[in-house]
């Protein structure tokens, strides 16, 4: 039996086991659900939106002066939920979960042509975290005030509320916030490693510094950022320290971090706490499952005894979700949904379901079973559970409603979300004021004018009851932390069930395109021209948010450039834009980061393009070296430069810029 047929068989078995007695559709279009889940993150973007990688067309630029009052650039990142506050702790957790999904289900996401969107979603967050980490022991952890924000109902593009920024530092620590941000950067470094190693390295620099900061200066972040207490109160920081150390060990292979989680296993509760919840506030179950992977893969070495204790707690969590924990189980609704908390329960469902999907992978890879008090459980049973929760979210529930907005025939129409509930700035050009939004839009009986695709709302109560009311924020408000785990879940299920029921067909490869900044375009013969950028000197390389982090699609139709260096005058098919994006000084020597955009200005695709780069003394990335001296070609994932499309390469060196010329072959 080949792998394709095996996956079909597995999915048929899943359907049979999940649907006994049910009447809902036998299979769902998980690929479409995945696509919409990633679109939700585009709807939540703060800052200057990209021209090409922004599918949510009812959103506009916003928060363009975030941090300016404090003298720091905090433009970017994500709005948390239906409001416009950028809360650092749940945002970092959400990016960690997106990155974990991209790592664990890399093949599945890639096969769906969704890795581009997934990495862009991650990068929108990590770029912001890098900005917010202005010094080794300083992290800006929040922009906006929840109280004043909630007094207004207005679009992000019209914001009139306070955009004050709040930080943690040595005198005002936040080990939970710094630890989670370190974890997110370490996980993202792993996700980006196959595509952009330089960016991955940069993320690890910040992750290591943040972990050291979190560990050395201990305290709760909401004691330092008191305005977060009413919204995201932290229950402790020990789990985040273990979580960050675990991710750093996986990202670097450094035994120091593994020893840390072993030495602190008792003191920080890693081997003591048996959990029935995994969330933005509680990472213990995630730590325990990650460390179990190291154990069952035979990589624990002398730490095996302690990692077995972590595994016991990982098993406890999994058995509790599967209702096989000798009565100490996670509560379920009559319709079969995990029920953890009254307020926005779906975020706990998606997080737990993701962990079980990951654990199923780990057990399957090592041909191991889950040992529960109520009996030994095979990895297949974990997948049954994953499918049951995902299917409930998508419509297999007593209400026959999809709780993923935009998916299926019936989904919530009155989502508690400011931007979705007010007409788009492109449709209603007049500003919608703070109180005016409540009067004209919040209290409307009509559905939201904008469908916020991929938003996972708070969901039903413990009896499967749900009221689609905009004022019912406990049930109708979506969150970053709720949608982030769905990417991995839906990718896994689509890989098993993609040929059963509603298949998923994403014909166009959705990968990032570069946005051209406003700088002078010049032929590479015309000399050097760049816009000066005011950036702080630093010892680590910066990374431009407009750069493409992933492979570009290939086009079968090709056209070979015949122009040489002497023919790149007016009307040439290629234009070059050369700028310096940052500079820093080390030991008295100044280094520059050069960014070069190559744009196809012709009406035909260009292939077989090779460049000669001379007088290069530093590192270059974004191009592939050839066997010929000083000669580079487009990377293997971008052999063709389509009309109007761009390719970016970057190099770092001190002194004069490198000399770039074109060399082509038939």
Foldseek 3Di string as FASTA:
>chain_A
DDPLVVLQVLLVVLLVVQDVVFDDDSDFALLVLLVLLLLLLLVFKAAQRFPPQRPQPLDHHFPPCQCVVVPFGQTFFGQWWQWRKRAQLQSLLLLLLLLVLCQLLVVLCVVSLNLQSSLLSSLRHLLNQVRQCPDLFKGWGIFFFPVQRVLFQFARRQDPGHGDIFMAGLVQHALQSLLSNLLSLLSSLSSLCVFDNQSSVLSNVSSVSSLVNSVPRDDHNCVRVVSCCVPDGAPGNLLSSLSSLLSNCVSPVDCVSVVVCLVCVVVSVLLPDQDQWDFSRGHSLVSLLSLVLCQLVPNCPPSNVSNVSSVVSNLSNLCQLLVQAVPNHFAAAPFGQGADDQFLRLLRRLVSLLSLLSSLVSCVVSVHWRQHNNGTHHSSSSLSSSVSNCVVCQQRGPVSAHLFWPHDDHYQQQAQHSSQQDRRCVVVVDGQDGVNCCVPTQPDPDGGPHTSGGFRFSAAGSNRDDDSHNVPRSGRMGGSSSSSSSSSSSSVSCSSPQPPDDHDDDPDSDHAFAHDDPFDKDQLVPDDGADDDDDDADDGDRDDSRATSRFDADDPDEDEDPDWSVPPDPPHQKIKDKYWPDWHDDPRFIKTKIKIKIAGQDQAKYAQKKKAWPPADWDKDQWADDPDPRMTAGDPRDRIHHHGTMGMMMTMDTDDGIRMIIDGDD
